[in-house]
Protein backbone atom coordinates (compact mmCIF):
# COMPACT_ATOMS: atom_id res chain seq x y z
CA UNK A 1 -10.89 1.43 -41.72
CA UNK A 2 -10.15 4.88 -41.73
CA UNK A 3 -7.92 7.20 -39.32
CA UNK A 4 -10.73 9.21 -38.29
CA UNK A 5 -12.32 5.76 -36.95
CA UNK A 6 -9.25 4.68 -35.42
CA UNK A 7 -8.81 7.77 -33.25
CA UNK A 8 -12.53 7.58 -32.27
CA UNK A 9 -11.46 4.16 -30.44
CA UNK A 10 -8.80 5.81 -28.48
CA UNK A 11 -8.87 7.44 -24.61
CA UNK A 12 -6.48 9.82 -23.10
CA UNK A 13 -5.77 9.14 -19.57
CA UNK A 14 -5.13 12.03 -17.82
CA UNK A 15 -1.95 11.93 -15.97
CA UNK A 16 -1.46 14.37 -13.17
CA UNK A 17 1.24 16.80 -13.48
CA UNK A 18 4.25 16.25 -11.17
CA UNK A 19 5.92 19.20 -9.78
CA UNK A 20 9.60 19.01 -8.55
CA UNK A 21 8.04 19.63 -4.60
CA UNK A 22 6.29 16.39 -5.21
CA UNK A 23 9.03 14.68 -6.72
CA UNK A 24 11.56 15.47 -3.95
CA UNK A 25 9.21 14.92 -1.51
CA UNK A 26 10.60 11.30 -1.64
CA UNK A 27 13.73 9.48 -0.99
CA UNK A 28 15.75 8.62 -4.78
CA UNK A 29 15.85 5.02 -5.79
CA UNK A 30 19.20 4.99 -7.60
CA UNK A 31 21.44 7.84 -5.62
CA UNK A 32 19.39 7.51 -2.08
CA UNK A 33 19.11 11.35 -2.08
CA UNK A 34 16.86 12.20 0.87
CA UNK A 35 13.71 13.71 0.75
CA UNK A 36 14.24 17.65 -0.19
CA UNK A 37 17.53 16.87 -1.45
CA UNK A 38 19.14 16.93 -4.85
CA UNK A 39 19.84 13.97 -7.06
CA UNK A 40 23.36 12.90 -6.97
CA UNK A 41 25.94 11.23 -9.71
CA UNK A 42 27.90 8.45 -8.78
CA UNK A 43 30.93 10.86 -8.08
CA UNK A 44 29.02 12.32 -4.88
CA UNK A 45 28.35 16.14 -7.03
CA UNK A 46 25.03 17.19 -7.26
CA UNK A 47 22.90 16.89 -10.25
CA UNK A 48 20.65 19.27 -12.12
CA UNK A 49 18.06 17.11 -13.04
CA UNK A 50 16.54 14.32 -10.91
CA UNK A 51 16.45 10.87 -11.68
CA UNK A 52 13.37 9.57 -13.61
CA UNK A 53 12.69 6.58 -11.14
CA UNK A 54 12.43 9.13 -8.51
CA UNK A 55 9.84 10.74 -10.87
CA UNK A 56 8.11 7.19 -10.96
CA UNK A 57 8.52 6.86 -6.88
CA UNK A 58 6.99 10.01 -6.41
CA UNK A 59 3.76 9.03 -8.70
CA UNK A 60 3.23 5.86 -6.48
CA UNK A 61 3.99 7.13 -3.14
CA UNK A 62 0.72 8.22 -1.21
CA UNK A 63 -0.11 12.07 -1.47
CA UNK A 64 1.61 14.05 1.37
CA UNK A 65 -1.37 15.13 3.98
CA UNK A 66 -0.86 18.86 4.97
CA UNK A 67 0.17 20.09 8.55
CA UNK A 68 -3.09 20.68 9.61
CA UNK A 69 -4.27 17.03 8.53
CA UNK A 70 -1.24 15.72 10.53
CA UNK A 71 -2.44 18.00 13.32
CA UNK A 72 -5.90 16.76 13.45
CA UNK A 73 -5.13 13.43 13.44
CA UNK A 74 -2.51 13.68 16.16
CA UNK A 75 -4.98 15.13 18.33
CA UNK A 76 -7.42 12.33 17.17
CA UNK A 77 -4.83 9.92 18.18
CA UNK A 78 -4.11 11.66 21.51
CA UNK A 79 -7.79 11.84 22.57
CA UNK A 80 -8.03 8.43 21.68
CA UNK A 81 -5.93 7.34 24.82
CA UNK A 82 -8.03 8.82 27.30
CA UNK A 83 -11.56 8.08 26.47
CA UNK A 84 -13.21 5.47 28.78
CA UNK A 85 -14.77 2.06 27.50
């Protein structure tokens, strides 16, 4: 089996690029930093980098909805309260 034949069998799986904004949108499972806050060391000092597990949590979290989508959703829920059956 040649090297060329072996590379034809592989399939590249595209993973979305994680931005710092996306990573910081979830709570850190390691240091328990709140969303939009920096990760901290065990000493309590802020860390320049985020924990790897926080990035993994960001990939598993559902995408955040925009403020416009949130407003429309709340209006639909509000309107449903006043609909007669």
